[in-house]
């Protein structure tokens, strides 16, 4: 069993988006480590929401999501948090 620096986040993608935008998306994203972990309809909704909340205003929803995915991926690679499929 690996030792991780931090607990397993309940909603890693949502937490990363919140760190970028300053507001948590009002969408249940439990255990979503990446955009593709969400349903198609949730993906569309989240992309639109991120676009509406994005600062600077000329940013894109997909840019925010990709940045959030990178934050999560690097945290996993650095062993800060366990991978989605890792045992606790």
Protein backbone atom coordinates (compact mmCIF):
# COMPACT_ATOMS: atom_id res chain seq x y z
CA UNK A 1 0.00 0.00 0.00
CA UNK A 2 1.38 3.39 -0.99
CA UNK A 3 1.56 6.34 1.33
CA UNK A 4 0.06 9.53 -0.01
CA UNK A 5 0.63 13.03 1.26
CA UNK A 6 -3.08 13.87 1.41
CA UNK A 7 -6.38 12.06 1.83
CA UNK A 8 -8.29 10.91 -1.24
CA UNK A 9 -10.39 13.89 -2.33
CA UNK A 10 -14.09 13.22 -2.69
CA UNK A 11 -14.37 15.34 -5.83
CA UNK A 12 -10.88 15.97 -7.20
CA UNK A 13 -11.99 17.51 -10.50
CA UNK A 14 -14.48 19.83 -8.77
CA UNK A 15 -11.87 20.84 -6.17
CA UNK A 16 -9.35 21.67 -8.91
CA UNK A 17 -11.95 23.69 -10.85
CA UNK A 18 -12.78 25.55 -7.64
CA UNK A 19 -9.10 26.40 -7.16
CA UNK A 20 -9.04 27.95 -10.65
CA UNK A 21 -12.40 29.72 -10.74
CA UNK A 22 -12.88 30.40 -7.04
CA UNK A 23 -16.25 28.69 -6.96
CA UNK A 24 -17.17 25.02 -6.83
CA UNK A 25 -19.29 23.81 -9.73
CA UNK A 26 -22.82 23.00 -8.50
CA UNK A 27 -22.71 19.57 -10.10
CA UNK A 28 -22.18 16.20 -8.44
CA UNK A 29 -18.78 15.06 -9.67
CA UNK A 30 -17.94 12.49 -7.00
CA UNK A 31 -14.82 10.51 -7.82
CA UNK A 32 -14.32 12.37 -11.12
CA UNK A 33 -10.59 12.69 -11.75
CA UNK A 34 -11.07 13.79 -15.34
CA UNK A 35 -13.71 15.22 -17.64
CA UNK A 36 -14.33 11.83 -19.26
CA UNK A 37 -15.42 10.41 -15.90
CA UNK A 38 -18.64 12.43 -16.31
CA UNK A 39 -21.68 11.62 -18.41
CA UNK A 40 -22.04 13.38 -21.76
CA UNK A 41 -24.78 15.67 -20.44
CA UNK A 42 -22.73 16.53 -17.34
CA UNK A 43 -19.73 17.27 -19.55
CA UNK A 44 -21.76 19.72 -21.63
CA UNK A 45 -23.20 21.38 -18.55
CA UNK A 46 -19.81 21.67 -16.82
CA UNK A 47 -18.10 23.08 -19.89
CA UNK A 48 -20.81 25.75 -20.24
CA UNK A 49 -20.66 26.57 -16.51
CA UNK A 50 -16.87 26.90 -16.58
CA UNK A 51 -17.13 29.13 -19.64
CA UNK A 52 -19.66 31.38 -17.89
CA UNK A 53 -17.55 31.60 -14.72
CA UNK A 54 -14.17 31.87 -16.42
CA UNK A 55 -11.86 34.72 -15.57
CA UNK A 56 -10.48 36.21 -17.69
CA UNK A 57 -13.76 36.50 -19.56
CA UNK A 58 -12.07 35.52 -22.83
CA UNK A 59 -10.97 32.18 -21.39
CA UNK A 60 -12.73 28.98 -22.33
CA UNK A 61 -14.61 26.42 -20.30
CA UNK A 62 -12.56 23.65 -21.85
CA UNK A 63 -9.35 25.50 -20.93
CA UNK A 64 -10.43 25.58 -17.28
CA UNK A 65 -11.33 21.89 -17.38
CA UNK A 66 -8.03 20.91 -18.99
CA UNK A 67 -6.13 22.95 -16.39
CA UNK A 68 -8.10 21.23 -13.61
CA UNK A 69 -7.35 17.81 -15.11
CA UNK A 70 -3.66 18.70 -15.16
CA UNK A 71 -3.76 19.71 -11.49
CA UNK A 72 -5.33 16.36 -10.59
CA UNK A 73 -3.02 14.32 -12.83
CA UNK A 74 0.13 15.94 -11.43
CA UNK A 75 -1.11 15.44 -7.87
CA UNK A 76 -1.51 11.72 -8.62
CA UNK A 77 1.90 11.50 -10.33
CA UNK A 78 3.51 13.22 -7.34
CA UNK A 79 1.78 10.82 -4.92
CA UNK A 80 -0.03 13.70 -3.25
CA UNK A 81 -3.32 11.87 -3.77
CA UNK A 82 -4.04 8.28 -4.73
CA UNK A 83 -5.03 7.43 -8.29
CA UNK A 84 -8.69 6.86 -8.96
CA UNK A 85 -8.22 3.09 -9.09
CA UNK A 86 -5.79 2.85 -6.14
CA UNK A 87 -6.87 1.05 -3.01
CA UNK A 88 -7.11 3.15 0.12
